[in-house]
């Protein structure tokens, strides 16, 4: 069986304002390394899946930029959603597209905006999950072994064993508060990473059986009618639409330094830090300052005697907040006047 990578690369990433914009969203920014997150994602998968079997699903407005960022990817492998409808329609379309090209194909589904510390371990977990999916004809998710009680992630409660590598999923748990997250970790729960592996044919079967929001439009997908398919779907995530409703879901645990890089504060975990625990990029000078995140483009940033701040400077805009408040940056962006918020 051949294996395909499906990379979800839609969205704007408003929590990385002012760096992220509708025309240059988070996945096209170099936030962790010197390469854009999306480019790193494709590079990371390349030893397991060649560009010819890599699909990138993105917004129609970003398709041209994605193709420029990934010149080795076949043009037809960048799928431009005419509207955002959630991950269930996106992955269902990808499954039907793969079945058109490769009826036995297996999908390795990831997001474009992650940081992975152990790339060999990441690929190994994907390959183990693919083996399980192909042998059992089940839907498999990779649950990341938690390193902290993080309220920003969903959790998976594993059930009974389903072979040497996998366990049944007993329950998906929405983002809990920090105290509940700590209890879940003590009980052996895993982070819901959003890494999904399944045969394309098995996903389509489960969509038909459990997700009427998408199943109603599948005939349009099978006829190759992209716009009509997305128009006919009710927006829903694959977690809610399929995985939480199906009885054929397994989880494979993984440990490979995964982080979803959801906020400016997350860069403190994934970027290199100096002796004072600061994560700085660009022309930044920090004196008697600890635990700060600084991103300077075209500006010099100086911090003195302050701790745990996020400072972002670019194109005449300077954002100053705390690492704690950085998770709620959407509230700030929504409150700004359009001439500031939408500045290119």
C-alpha atoms as a PDB file:
ATOM      1  CA  UNK A   1       0.000   0.000   0.000  1.00  0.00           C
ATOM      2  CA  UNK A   2       1.291   3.475  -0.822  1.00  0.00           C
ATOM      3  CA  UNK A   3       1.248   6.251   1.747  1.00  0.00           C
ATOM      4  CA  UNK A   4       0.221   9.837   1.165  1.00  0.00           C
ATOM      5  CA  UNK A   5       0.838  12.933   3.266  1.00  0.00           C
ATOM      6  CA  UNK A   6      -2.094  15.313   3.704  1.00  0.00           C
ATOM      7  CA  UNK A   7      -1.102  18.675   5.181  1.00  0.00           C
ATOM      8  CA  UNK A   8      -3.783  21.005   6.498  1.00  0.00           C
ATOM      9  CA  UNK A   9      -2.556  24.538   5.799  1.00  0.00           C
ATOM     10  CA  UNK A  10      -5.590  26.806   6.011  1.00  0.00           C
ATOM     11  CA  UNK A  11      -6.356  29.546   8.520  1.00  0.00           C
ATOM     12  CA  UNK A  12      -4.733  32.856   9.351  1.00  0.00           C
ATOM     13  CA  UNK A  13      -3.303  32.370  12.835  1.00  0.00           C
ATOM     14  CA  UNK A  14      -4.571  35.587  14.390  1.00  0.00           C
ATOM     15  CA  UNK A  15      -2.736  34.813  17.624  1.00  0.00           C
ATOM     16  CA  UNK A  16       0.492  35.655  15.769  1.00  0.00           C
ATOM     17  CA  UNK A  17      -0.585  39.186  14.937  1.00  0.00           C
ATOM     18  CA  UNK A  18       1.022  41.521  13.894  1.00  0.00           C
ATOM     19  CA  UNK A  19       3.300  39.140  11.990  1.00  0.00           C
ATOM     20  CA  UNK A  20       0.538  36.959  10.566  1.00  0.00           C
ATOM     21  CA  UNK A  21      -1.882  38.520   8.085  1.00  0.00           C
ATOM     22  CA  UNK A  22      -4.527  37.090   5.721  1.00  0.00           C
ATOM     23  CA  UNK A  23      -2.007  37.176   2.874  1.00  0.00           C
ATOM     24  CA  UNK A  24       0.902  35.878   4.978  1.00  0.00           C
ATOM     25  CA  UNK A  25      -0.545  33.557   7.642  1.00  0.00           C
ATOM     26  CA  UNK A  26       1.263  31.638  10.320  1.00  0.00           C
ATOM     27  CA  UNK A  27       2.040  28.556   8.228  1.00  0.00           C
ATOM     28  CA  UNK A  28       3.971  30.697   5.727  1.00  0.00           C
ATOM     29  CA  UNK A  29       6.087  32.378   8.400  1.00  0.00           C
ATOM     30  CA  UNK A  30       9.541  31.354   9.662  1.00  0.00           C
ATOM     31  CA  UNK A  31       8.648  31.200  13.346  1.00  0.00           C
ATOM     32  CA  UNK A  32      10.723  28.263  14.606  1.00  0.00           C
ATOM     33  CA  UNK A  33      13.533  27.873  12.063  1.00  0.00           C
ATOM     34  CA  UNK A  34      14.673  30.028   9.144  1.00  0.00           C
ATOM     35  CA  UNK A  35      12.121  28.257   6.947  1.00  0.00           C
ATOM     36  CA  UNK A  36       8.330  28.754   6.925  1.00  0.00           C
ATOM     37  CA  UNK A  37       6.437  26.265   9.074  1.00  0.00           C
ATOM     38  CA  UNK A  38       4.783  24.730   6.001  1.00  0.00           C
ATOM     39  CA  UNK A  39       8.129  24.231   4.244  1.00  0.00           C
ATOM     40  CA  UNK A  40       9.509  22.566   7.371  1.00  0.00           C
ATOM     41  CA  UNK A  41       6.467  20.273   7.453  1.00  0.00           C
ATOM     42  CA  UNK A  42       6.996  19.060   3.879  1.00  0.00           C
ATOM     43  CA  UNK A  43      10.743  18.675   4.446  1.00  0.00           C
ATOM     44  CA  UNK A  44      10.097  16.684   7.634  1.00  0.00           C
ATOM     45  CA  UNK A  45       7.811  14.248   5.835  1.00  0.00           C
ATOM     46  CA  UNK A  46       9.953  13.880   2.700  1.00  0.00           C
ATOM     47  CA  UNK A  47      11.975  10.827   3.877  1.00  0.00           C
ATOM     48  CA  UNK A  48       8.677   8.944   4.221  1.00  0.00           C
ATOM     49  CA  UNK A  49       6.483  10.525   1.524  1.00  0.00           C
ATOM     50  CA  UNK A  50       7.705  12.124  -1.734  1.00  0.00           C
ATOM     51  CA  UNK A  51       6.243  15.405  -3.055  1.00  0.00           C
ATOM     52  CA  UNK A  52       4.318  13.473  -5.707  1.00  0.00           C
ATOM     53  CA  UNK A  53       2.221  11.914  -2.915  1.00  0.00           C
ATOM     54  CA  UNK A  54       1.927  15.021  -0.726  1.00  0.00           C
ATOM     55  CA  UNK A  55      -1.314  17.012  -0.768  1.00  0.00           C
ATOM     56  CA  UNK A  56      -1.574  20.463   0.813  1.00  0.00           C
ATOM     57  CA  UNK A  57      -5.070  21.731   1.585  1.00  0.00           C
ATOM     58  CA  UNK A  58      -5.270  25.494   1.941  1.00  0.00           C
ATOM     59  CA  UNK A  59      -7.539  28.487   1.395  1.00  0.00           C
ATOM     60  CA  UNK A  60      -8.151  29.544  -2.182  1.00  0.00           C
ATOM     61  CA  UNK A  61      -6.605  32.947  -1.438  1.00  0.00           C
ATOM     62  CA  UNK A  62      -3.358  31.281  -0.312  1.00  0.00           C
ATOM     63  CA  UNK A  63      -2.951  28.683  -3.064  1.00  0.00           C
ATOM     64  CA  UNK A  64      -0.569  30.771  -5.174  1.00  0.00           C
ATOM     65  CA  UNK A  65       1.621  31.604  -2.158  1.00  0.00           C
ATOM     66  CA  UNK A  66       1.698  27.953  -1.106  1.00  0.00           C
ATOM     67  CA  UNK A  67       2.767  26.874  -4.576  1.00  0.00           C
ATOM     68  CA  UNK A  68       5.555  29.465  -4.551  1.00  0.00           C
ATOM     69  CA  UNK A  69       6.748  28.219  -1.169  1.00  0.00           C
ATOM     70  CA  UNK A  70       6.733  24.584  -2.377  1.00  0.00           C
ATOM     71  CA  UNK A  71       8.044  24.634  -5.963  1.00  0.00           C
ATOM     72  CA  UNK A  72       8.790  20.882  -5.982  1.00  0.00           C
ATOM     73  CA  UNK A  73       5.200  19.997  -5.186  1.00  0.00           C
ATOM     74  CA  UNK A  74       3.055  19.209  -8.261  1.00  0.00           C
ATOM     75  CA  UNK A  75       0.649  22.077  -8.893  1.00  0.00           C
ATOM     76  CA  UNK A  76      -2.385  19.800  -8.687  1.00  0.00           C
ATOM     77  CA  UNK A  77      -1.303  18.662  -5.213  1.00  0.00           C
ATOM     78  CA  UNK A  78      -2.199  22.063  -3.724  1.00  0.00           C
ATOM     79  CA  UNK A  79      -5.932  21.876  -3.100  1.00  0.00           C
ATOM     80  CA  UNK A  80      -7.596  25.271  -2.752  1.00  0.00           C
ATOM     81  CA  UNK A  81     -10.722  25.217  -0.577  1.00  0.00           C
ATOM     82  CA  UNK A  82     -13.269  27.695  -1.953  1.00  0.00           C
ATOM     83  CA  UNK A  83     -14.407  28.272   1.632  1.00  0.00           C
ATOM     84  CA  UNK A  84     -13.298  27.093   5.047  1.00  0.00           C
ATOM     85  CA  UNK A  85     -15.515  24.253   6.228  1.00  0.00           C
ATOM     86  CA  UNK A  86     -13.465  22.543   8.933  1.00  0.00           C
ATOM     87  CA  UNK A  87     -11.195  19.535   8.870  1.00  0.00           C
ATOM     88  CA  UNK A  88     -13.849  16.892   8.139  1.00  0.00           C
ATOM     89  CA  UNK A  89     -14.695  18.203   4.637  1.00  0.00           C
ATOM     90  CA  UNK A  90     -11.032  18.939   3.916  1.00  0.00           C
ATOM     91  CA  UNK A  91      -9.894  15.426   4.793  1.00  0.00           C
ATOM     92  CA  UNK A  92     -12.880  13.814   3.103  1.00  0.00           C
ATOM     93  CA  UNK A  93     -12.031  15.640  -0.135  1.00  0.00           C
ATOM     94  CA  UNK A  94      -8.377  14.558   0.218  1.00  0.00           C
ATOM     95  CA  UNK A  95      -9.486  10.947   0.744  1.00  0.00           C
ATOM     96  CA  UNK A  96     -11.621  10.951  -2.407  1.00  0.00           C
ATOM     97  CA  UNK A  97      -8.804  12.608  -4.360  1.00  0.00           C
ATOM     98  CA  UNK A  98      -6.331   9.957  -3.196  1.00  0.00           C
ATOM     99  CA  UNK A  99      -8.771   7.169  -4.095  1.00  0.00           C
ATOM    100  CA  UNK A 100      -8.990   8.606  -7.628  1.00  0.00           C
ATOM    101  CA  UNK A 101      -5.230   8.362  -8.002  1.00  0.00           C
ATOM    102  CA  UNK A 102      -4.413   5.393  -5.761  1.00  0.00           C
ATOM    103  CA  UNK A 103      -7.297   3.163  -4.571  1.00  0.00           C
ATOM    104  CA  UNK A 104      -5.139   1.545  -1.886  1.00  0.00           C
ATOM    105  CA  UNK A 105      -3.656   4.754  -0.496  1.00  0.00           C
ATOM    106  CA  UNK A 106      -3.112   5.444   3.207  1.00  0.00           C
ATOM    107  CA  UNK A 107      -3.334   9.025   4.509  1.00  0.00           C
ATOM    108  CA  UNK A 108      -0.843  10.528   6.990  1.00  0.00           C
ATOM    109  CA  UNK A 109      -2.695  13.676   8.064  1.00  0.00           C
ATOM    110  CA  UNK A 110      -0.842  16.512   9.813  1.00  0.00           C
ATOM    111  CA  UNK A 111      -1.095  20.263  10.296  1.00  0.00           C
ATOM    112  CA  UNK A 112       1.320  22.771   8.768  1.00  0.00           C
ATOM    113  CA  UNK A 113       2.033  24.782  11.908  1.00  0.00           C
ATOM    114  CA  UNK A 114       3.799  22.409  14.280  1.00  0.00           C
ATOM    115  CA  UNK A 115       7.254  22.230  15.775  1.00  0.00           C
ATOM    116  CA  UNK A 116       8.802  18.753  16.040  1.00  0.00           C
ATOM    117  CA  UNK A 117      12.012  18.300  18.010  1.00  0.00           C
ATOM    118  CA  UNK A 118      12.636  14.616  17.169  1.00  0.00           C
ATOM    119  CA  UNK A 119      11.910  14.239  13.462  1.00  0.00           C
ATOM    120  CA  UNK A 120      12.997  10.604  13.286  1.00  0.00           C
ATOM    121  CA  UNK A 121      10.703   9.819  16.207  1.00  0.00           C
ATOM    122  CA  UNK A 122       7.860  11.687  14.497  1.00  0.00           C
ATOM    123  CA  UNK A 123       8.230   9.713  11.269  1.00  0.00           C
ATOM    124  CA  UNK A 124       8.531   6.506  13.267  1.00  0.00           C
ATOM    125  CA  UNK A 125       5.245   7.200  15.047  1.00  0.00           C
ATOM    126  CA  UNK A 126       3.537   7.919  11.716  1.00  0.00           C
ATOM    127  CA  UNK A 127       4.854   4.675  10.263  1.00  0.00           C
ATOM    128  CA  UNK A 128       3.677   2.669  13.296  1.00  0.00           C
ATOM    129  CA  UNK A 129       0.259   4.278  13.047  1.00  0.00           C
ATOM    130  CA  UNK A 130       0.108   3.516   9.315  1.00  0.00           C
ATOM    131  CA  UNK A 131       0.981  -0.127   9.949  1.00  0.00           C
ATOM    132  CA  UNK A 132      -1.864  -0.352  12.475  1.00  0.00           C
ATOM    133  CA  UNK A 133      -4.330   1.408  10.163  1.00  0.00           C
ATOM    134  CA  UNK A 134      -3.506  -0.880   7.244  1.00  0.00           C
ATOM    135  CA  UNK A 135      -3.618  -4.058   9.334  1.00  0.00           C
ATOM    136  CA  UNK A 136      -6.831  -3.269  11.232  1.00  0.00           C
ATOM    137  CA  UNK A 137      -8.710  -1.060   8.727  1.00  0.00           C
ATOM    138  CA  UNK A 138      -9.369   1.350  11.579  1.00  0.00           C
ATOM    139  CA  UNK A 139      -8.935   5.090  12.010  1.00  0.00           C
ATOM    140  CA  UNK A 140      -5.764   5.794  13.994  1.00  0.00           C
ATOM    141  CA  UNK A 141      -4.687   8.909  15.846  1.00  0.00           C
ATOM    142  CA  UNK A 142      -1.257   9.524  17.341  1.00  0.00           C
ATOM    143  CA  UNK A 143      -1.639  10.628  20.959  1.00  0.00           C
ATOM    144  CA  UNK A 144       1.335  12.606  22.214  1.00  0.00           C
ATOM    145  CA  UNK A 145       2.651  11.688  25.666  1.00  0.00           C
ATOM    146  CA  UNK A 146       2.148  14.930  27.660  1.00  0.00           C
ATOM    147  CA  UNK A 147       5.064  16.813  29.179  1.00  0.00           C
ATOM    148  CA  UNK A 148       2.953  19.276  31.187  1.00  0.00           C
ATOM    149  CA  UNK A 149      -0.697  19.896  32.133  1.00  0.00           C
ATOM    150  CA  UNK A 150      -1.586  22.190  29.240  1.00  0.00           C
ATOM    151  CA  UNK A 151      -5.154  23.558  29.054  1.00  0.00           C
ATOM    152  CA  UNK A 152      -4.600  24.561  25.435  1.00  0.00           C
ATOM    153  CA  UNK A 153      -4.825  20.981  24.132  1.00  0.00           C
ATOM    154  CA  UNK A 154      -7.533  18.343  23.937  1.00  0.00           C
ATOM    155  CA  UNK A 155      -6.872  14.949  25.543  1.00  0.00           C
ATOM    156  CA  UNK A 156      -7.453  11.299  24.658  1.00  0.00           C
ATOM    157  CA  UNK A 157      -8.340   8.643  27.219  1.00  0.00           C
ATOM    158  CA  UNK A 158      -6.972   5.302  25.948  1.00  0.00           C
ATOM    159  CA  UNK A 159      -9.038   2.157  26.465  1.00  0.00           C
ATOM    160  CA  UNK A 160      -8.187  -1.507  26.080  1.00  0.00           C
ATOM    161  CA  UNK A 161      -5.319  -2.859  24.011  1.00  0.00           C
ATOM    162  CA  UNK A 162      -5.881  -3.394  20.290  1.00  0.00           C
ATOM    163  CA  UNK A 163      -2.606  -5.111  19.484  1.00  0.00           C
ATOM    164  CA  UNK A 164       1.006  -4.467  20.500  1.00  0.00           C
ATOM    165  CA  UNK A 165       1.096  -0.867  19.241  1.00  0.00           C
ATOM    166  CA  UNK A 166      -2.417   0.538  19.673  1.00  0.00           C
ATOM    167  CA  UNK A 167      -5.235   0.952  22.145  1.00  0.00           C
ATOM    168  CA  UNK A 168      -8.884   1.716  21.611  1.00  0.00           C
ATOM    169  CA  UNK A 169      -9.961   5.291  22.195  1.00  0.00           C
ATOM    170  CA  UNK A 170     -12.261   5.409  25.200  1.00  0.00           C
ATOM    171  CA  UNK A 171     -12.983   9.137  25.072  1.00  0.00           C
ATOM    172  CA  UNK A 172     -11.922  12.433  23.511  1.00  0.00           C
ATOM    173  CA  UNK A 173     -11.830  15.237  26.069  1.00  0.00           C
ATOM    174  CA  UNK A 174     -12.179  18.914  25.148  1.00  0.00           C
ATOM    175  CA  UNK A 175      -9.623  21.433  26.389  1.00  0.00           C
ATOM    176  CA  UNK A 176      -9.769  21.204  30.212  1.00  0.00           C
ATOM    177  CA  UNK A 177      -8.628  23.658  32.852  1.00  0.00           C
ATOM    178  CA  UNK A 178      -5.080  23.207  34.160  1.00  0.00           C
ATOM    179  CA  UNK A 179      -6.070  21.273  37.283  1.00  0.00           C
ATOM    180  CA  UNK A 180      -8.200  18.841  35.291  1.00  0.00           C
ATOM    181  CA  UNK A 181      -5.409  18.456  32.742  1.00  0.00           C
ATOM    182  CA  UNK A 182      -3.038  17.409  35.530  1.00  0.00           C
ATOM    183  CA  UNK A 183      -5.524  14.769  36.691  1.00  0.00           C
ATOM    184  CA  UNK A 184      -5.977  13.470  33.159  1.00  0.00           C
ATOM    185  CA  UNK A 185      -2.220  13.084  32.730  1.00  0.00           C
ATOM    186  CA  UNK A 186      -2.021  11.185  36.026  1.00  0.00           C
ATOM    187  CA  UNK A 187      -4.690   8.839  34.641  1.00  0.00           C
ATOM    188  CA  UNK A 188      -2.607   8.120  31.532  1.00  0.00           C
ATOM    189  CA  UNK A 189      -4.372  10.375  29.057  1.00  0.00           C
ATOM    190  CA  UNK A 190      -2.555  11.641  25.955  1.00  0.00           C
ATOM    191  CA  UNK A 191      -2.598  14.937  24.092  1.00  0.00           C
ATOM    192  CA  UNK A 192      -4.911  14.969  21.093  1.00  0.00           C
ATOM    193  CA  UNK A 193      -2.274  16.072  18.591  1.00  0.00           C
ATOM    194  CA  UNK A 194      -4.412  16.163  15.456  1.00  0.00           C
ATOM    195  CA  UNK A 195      -2.182  13.550  13.795  1.00  0.00           C
ATOM    196  CA  UNK A 196      -4.473  11.109  11.979  1.00  0.00           C
ATOM    197  CA  UNK A 197      -3.583   8.036   9.929  1.00  0.00           C
ATOM    198  CA  UNK A 198      -6.029   5.857   7.972  1.00  0.00           C
ATOM    199  CA  UNK A 199      -6.653   4.247   4.660  1.00  0.00           C
ATOM    200  CA  UNK A 200      -8.481   6.701   2.426  1.00  0.00           C
ATOM    201  CA  UNK A 201     -11.211   4.136   1.781  1.00  0.00           C
ATOM    202  CA  UNK A 202     -11.780   3.623   5.513  1.00  0.00           C
ATOM    203  CA  UNK A 203     -12.211   7.346   6.160  1.00  0.00           C
ATOM    204  CA  UNK A 204     -14.801   7.617   3.384  1.00  0.00           C
ATOM    205  CA  UNK A 205     -16.717   4.656   4.860  1.00  0.00           C
ATOM    206  CA  UNK A 206     -16.770   6.247   8.311  1.00  0.00           C
ATOM    207  CA  UNK A 207     -17.816   9.633   6.900  1.00  0.00           C
ATOM    208  CA  UNK A 208     -20.746   7.935   5.154  1.00  0.00           C
ATOM    209  CA  UNK A 209     -21.704   6.108   8.340  1.00  0.00           C
ATOM    210  CA  UNK A 210     -21.291   8.854  10.947  1.00  0.00           C
ATOM    211  CA  UNK A 211     -20.957  12.328   9.436  1.00  0.00           C
ATOM    212  CA  UNK A 212     -24.084  13.416   7.539  1.00  0.00           C
ATOM    213  CA  UNK A 213     -22.732  16.976   7.500  1.00  0.00           C
ATOM    214  CA  UNK A 214     -20.182  15.817   4.909  1.00  0.00           C
ATOM    215  CA  UNK A 215     -21.657  12.571   3.591  1.00  0.00           C
ATOM    216  CA  UNK A 216     -24.458  14.442   1.844  1.00  0.00           C
ATOM    217  CA  UNK A 217     -21.897  16.107  -0.431  1.00  0.00           C
ATOM    218  CA  UNK A 218     -19.651  13.092  -1.104  1.00  0.00           C
ATOM    219  CA  UNK A 219     -21.213  12.369  -4.525  1.00  0.00           C
ATOM    220  CA  UNK A 220     -20.048  15.805  -5.641  1.00  0.00           C
ATOM    221  CA  UNK A 221     -16.530  15.013  -4.417  1.00  0.00           C
ATOM    222  CA  UNK A 222     -16.575  11.739  -6.307  1.00  0.00           C
ATOM    223  CA  UNK A 223     -17.479  13.685  -9.467  1.00  0.00           C
ATOM    224  CA  UNK A 224     -14.569  16.047  -8.851  1.00  0.00           C
ATOM    225  CA  UNK A 225     -16.813  19.059  -8.174  1.00  0.00           C
ATOM    226  CA  UNK A 226     -14.688  20.927  -5.622  1.00  0.00           C
ATOM    227  CA  UNK A 227     -16.809  24.073  -5.195  1.00  0.00           C
ATOM    228  CA  UNK A 228     -20.090  22.158  -5.111  1.00  0.00           C
ATOM    229  CA  UNK A 229     -18.702  19.721  -2.533  1.00  0.00           C
ATOM    230  CA  UNK A 230     -17.572  22.399  -0.098  1.00  0.00           C
ATOM    231  CA  UNK A 231     -20.776  24.364  -0.646  1.00  0.00           C
ATOM    232  CA  UNK A 232     -22.803  21.265   0.169  1.00  0.00           C
ATOM    233  CA  UNK A 233     -20.972  20.490   3.438  1.00  0.00           C
ATOM    234  CA  UNK A 234     -21.925  21.769   6.866  1.00  0.00           C
ATOM    235  CA  UNK A 235     -18.677  22.956   8.519  1.00  0.00           C
ATOM    236  CA  UNK A 236     -17.439  20.490  11.126  1.00  0.00           C
ATOM    237  CA  UNK A 237     -14.148  19.134  12.439  1.00  0.00           C
ATOM    238  CA  UNK A 238     -13.118  15.556  11.800  1.00  0.00           C
ATOM    239  CA  UNK A 239     -12.888  15.085  15.587  1.00  0.00           C
ATOM    240  CA  UNK A 240     -16.539  15.968  16.178  1.00  0.00           C
ATOM    241  CA  UNK A 241     -17.905  14.708  12.867  1.00  0.00           C
ATOM    242  CA  UNK A 242     -16.189  11.333  12.658  1.00  0.00           C
ATOM    243  CA  UNK A 243     -13.834  10.325  15.456  1.00  0.00           C
ATOM    244  CA  UNK A 244     -16.158  11.010  18.398  1.00  0.00           C
ATOM    245  CA  UNK A 245     -18.987   9.131  16.646  1.00  0.00           C
ATOM    246  CA  UNK A 246     -17.087   6.123  15.307  1.00  0.00           C
ATOM    247  CA  UNK A 247     -16.376   2.896  17.191  1.00  0.00           C
ATOM    248  CA  UNK A 248     -13.395   2.165  14.943  1.00  0.00           C
ATOM    249  CA  UNK A 249     -10.824   4.588  16.384  1.00  0.00           C
ATOM    250  CA  UNK A 250      -7.468   3.551  17.816  1.00  0.00           C
ATOM    251  CA  UNK A 251      -4.648   5.537  19.378  1.00  0.00           C
ATOM    252  CA  UNK A 252      -0.899   4.991  19.092  1.00  0.00           C
ATOM    253  CA  UNK A 253       1.241   6.893  21.634  1.00  0.00           C
ATOM    254  CA  UNK A 254       4.183   9.007  20.511  1.00  0.00           C
ATOM    255  CA  UNK A 255       6.995  11.032  22.085  1.00  0.00           C
ATOM    256  CA  UNK A 256       8.858  13.307  19.676  1.00  0.00           C
ATOM    257  CA  UNK A 257       8.870  16.862  21.033  1.00  0.00           C
ATOM    258  CA  UNK A 258       5.576  17.928  19.447  1.00  0.00           C
ATOM    259  CA  UNK A 259       4.217  21.462  19.881  1.00  0.00           C
ATOM    260  CA  UNK A 260       1.429  23.100  17.915  1.00  0.00           C
ATOM    261  CA  UNK A 261       3.031  26.593  18.088  1.00  0.00           C
ATOM    262  CA  UNK A 262      -0.337  28.148  18.828  1.00  0.00           C
ATOM    263  CA  UNK A 263       0.767  31.449  20.348  1.00  0.00           C
ATOM    264  CA  UNK A 264       3.746  33.778  20.642  1.00  0.00           C
ATOM    265  CA  UNK A 265       4.320  32.301  24.092  1.00  0.00           C
ATOM    266  CA  UNK A 266       4.762  28.840  22.527  1.00  0.00           C
ATOM    267  CA  UNK A 267       7.946  30.105  20.865  1.00  0.00           C
ATOM    268  CA  UNK A 268       9.503  30.124  24.328  1.00  0.00           C
ATOM    269  CA  UNK A 269       9.245  26.328  24.263  1.00  0.00           C
ATOM    270  CA  UNK A 270      10.434  25.674  20.709  1.00  0.00           C
ATOM    271  CA  UNK A 271      13.077  28.336  19.992  1.00  0.00           C
ATOM    272  CA  UNK A 272      16.635  28.303  21.292  1.00  0.00           C
ATOM    273  CA  UNK A 273      16.930  30.251  24.551  1.00  0.00           C
ATOM    274  CA  UNK A 274      19.816  32.201  26.029  1.00  0.00           C
ATOM    275  CA  UNK A 275      21.319  31.805  29.485  1.00  0.00           C
ATOM    276  CA  UNK A 276      18.569  34.027  30.939  1.00  0.00           C
ATOM    277  CA  UNK A 277      15.818  31.886  29.387  1.00  0.00           C
ATOM    278  CA  UNK A 278      14.925  34.435  26.701  1.00  0.00           C
ATOM    279  CA  UNK A 279      13.846  33.318  23.204  1.00  0.00           C
ATOM    280  CA  UNK A 280      14.802  36.147  20.854  1.00  0.00           C
ATOM    281  CA  UNK A 281      14.976  36.498  17.084  1.00  0.00           C
ATOM    282  CA  UNK A 282      16.275  39.507  15.201  1.00  0.00           C
ATOM    283  CA  UNK A 283      18.180  42.513  16.510  1.00  0.00           C
ATOM    284  CA  UNK A 284      17.297  42.160  20.195  1.00  0.00           C
ATOM    285  CA  UNK A 285      19.282  43.146  23.281  1.00  0.00           C
ATOM    286  CA  UNK A 286      18.096  41.975  26.682  1.00  0.00           C
ATOM    287  CA  UNK A 287      19.693  43.106  29.949  1.00  0.00           C
ATOM    288  CA  UNK A 288      18.600  41.889  33.376  1.00  0.00           C
ATOM    289  CA  UNK A 289      15.612  40.321  31.647  1.00  0.00           C
ATOM    290  CA  UNK A 290      14.376  36.737  31.929  1.00  0.00           C
ATOM    291  CA  UNK A 291      11.873  34.474  30.218  1.00  0.00           C
ATOM    292  CA  UNK A 292      10.950  36.872  27.425  1.00  0.00           C
ATOM    293  CA  UNK A 293       9.967  36.194  23.805  1.00  0.00           C
ATOM    294  CA  UNK A 294      11.198  38.787  21.304  1.00  0.00           C
ATOM    295  CA  UNK A 295      10.673  38.889  17.542  1.00  0.00           C
ATOM    296  CA  UNK A 296      12.256  41.880  15.815  1.00  0.00           C
ATOM    297  CA  UNK A 297      11.995  42.514  12.061  1.00  0.00           C
ATOM    298  CA  UNK A 298      13.601  45.677  10.761  1.00  0.00           C
ATOM    299  CA  UNK A 299      13.799  47.140  14.256  1.00  0.00           C
ATOM    300  CA  UNK A 300      16.112  47.013  17.235  1.00  0.00           C
ATOM    301  CA  UNK A 301      14.392  45.903  20.435  1.00  0.00           C
ATOM    302  CA  UNK A 302      15.929  46.541  23.852  1.00  0.00           C
ATOM    303  CA  UNK A 303      14.510  45.066  27.062  1.00  0.00           C
ATOM    304  CA  UNK A 304      15.809  46.029  30.485  1.00  0.00           C
ATOM    305  CA  UNK A 305      14.700  44.716  33.839  1.00  0.00           C
ATOM    306  CA  UNK A 306      11.525  42.957  32.661  1.00  0.00           C
ATOM    307  CA  UNK A 307      10.436  39.318  32.720  1.00  0.00           C
ATOM    308  CA  UNK A 308       8.001  37.043  30.887  1.00  0.00           C
ATOM    309  CA  UNK A 309       7.037  39.505  28.161  1.00  0.00           C
ATOM    310  CA  UNK A 310       6.250  39.023  24.480  1.00  0.00           C
ATOM    311  CA  UNK A 311       7.569  41.837  22.266  1.00  0.00           C
ATOM    312  CA  UNK A 312       7.000  41.778  18.505  1.00  0.00           C
ATOM    313  CA  UNK A 313       8.188  44.619  16.280  1.00  0.00           C
ATOM    314  CA  UNK A 314       7.651  44.824  12.523  1.00  0.00           C
ATOM    315  CA  UNK A 315       6.760  47.449   9.904  1.00  0.00           C
ATOM    316  CA  UNK A 316       5.998  50.245  12.320  1.00  0.00           C
ATOM    317  CA  UNK A 317       3.895  48.152  14.726  1.00  0.00           C
ATOM    318  CA  UNK A 318       5.111  47.033  18.125  1.00  0.00           C
ATOM    319  CA  UNK A 319       3.153  44.558  20.223  1.00  0.00           C
ATOM    320  CA  UNK A 320       3.915  44.244  23.933  1.00  0.00           C
ATOM    321  CA  UNK A 321       2.053  41.732  26.077  1.00  0.00           C
ATOM    322  CA  UNK A 322       2.817  39.015  28.603  1.00  0.00           C
ATOM    323  CA  UNK A 323       3.427  35.381  27.833  1.00  0.00           C
ATOM    324  CA  UNK A 324       0.284  34.571  29.796  1.00  0.00           C
ATOM    325  CA  UNK A 325      -1.943  37.006  27.865  1.00  0.00           C
ATOM    326  CA  UNK A 326      -0.490  35.992  24.496  1.00  0.00           C
ATOM    327  CA  UNK A 327      -2.910  33.061  24.400  1.00  0.00           C
ATOM    328  CA  UNK A 328      -5.805  35.540  24.250  1.00  0.00           C
ATOM    329  CA  UNK A 329      -4.430  37.714  21.482  1.00  0.00           C
ATOM    330  CA  UNK A 330      -7.559  37.321  19.364  1.00  0.00           C
ATOM    331  CA  UNK A 331      -9.420  39.479  21.888  1.00  0.00           C
ATOM    332  CA  UNK A 332      -6.890  42.260  21.331  1.00  0.00           C
ATOM    333  CA  UNK A 333      -6.970  41.954  17.540  1.00  0.00           C
ATOM    334  CA  UNK A 334     -10.769  42.088  17.459  1.00  0.00           C
ATOM    335  CA  UNK A 335     -10.702  45.259  19.556  1.00  0.00           C
ATOM    336  CA  UNK A 336      -8.282  47.139  17.303  1.00  0.00           C
ATOM    337  CA  UNK A 337      -9.428  49.606  14.634  1.00  0.00           C
ATOM    338  CA  UNK A 338      -9.298  48.123  11.125  1.00  0.00           C
ATOM    339  CA  UNK A 339      -6.491  50.453   9.998  1.00  0.00           C
ATOM    340  CA  UNK A 340      -4.267  48.867  12.669  1.00  0.00           C
ATOM    341  CA  UNK A 341      -5.636  45.334  12.661  1.00  0.00           C
ATOM    342  CA  UNK A 342      -5.579  44.898   8.904  1.00  0.00           C
ATOM    343  CA  UNK A 343      -2.337  46.691   8.197  1.00  0.00           C
ATOM    344  CA  UNK A 344      -0.464  44.617   5.572  1.00  0.00           C
END
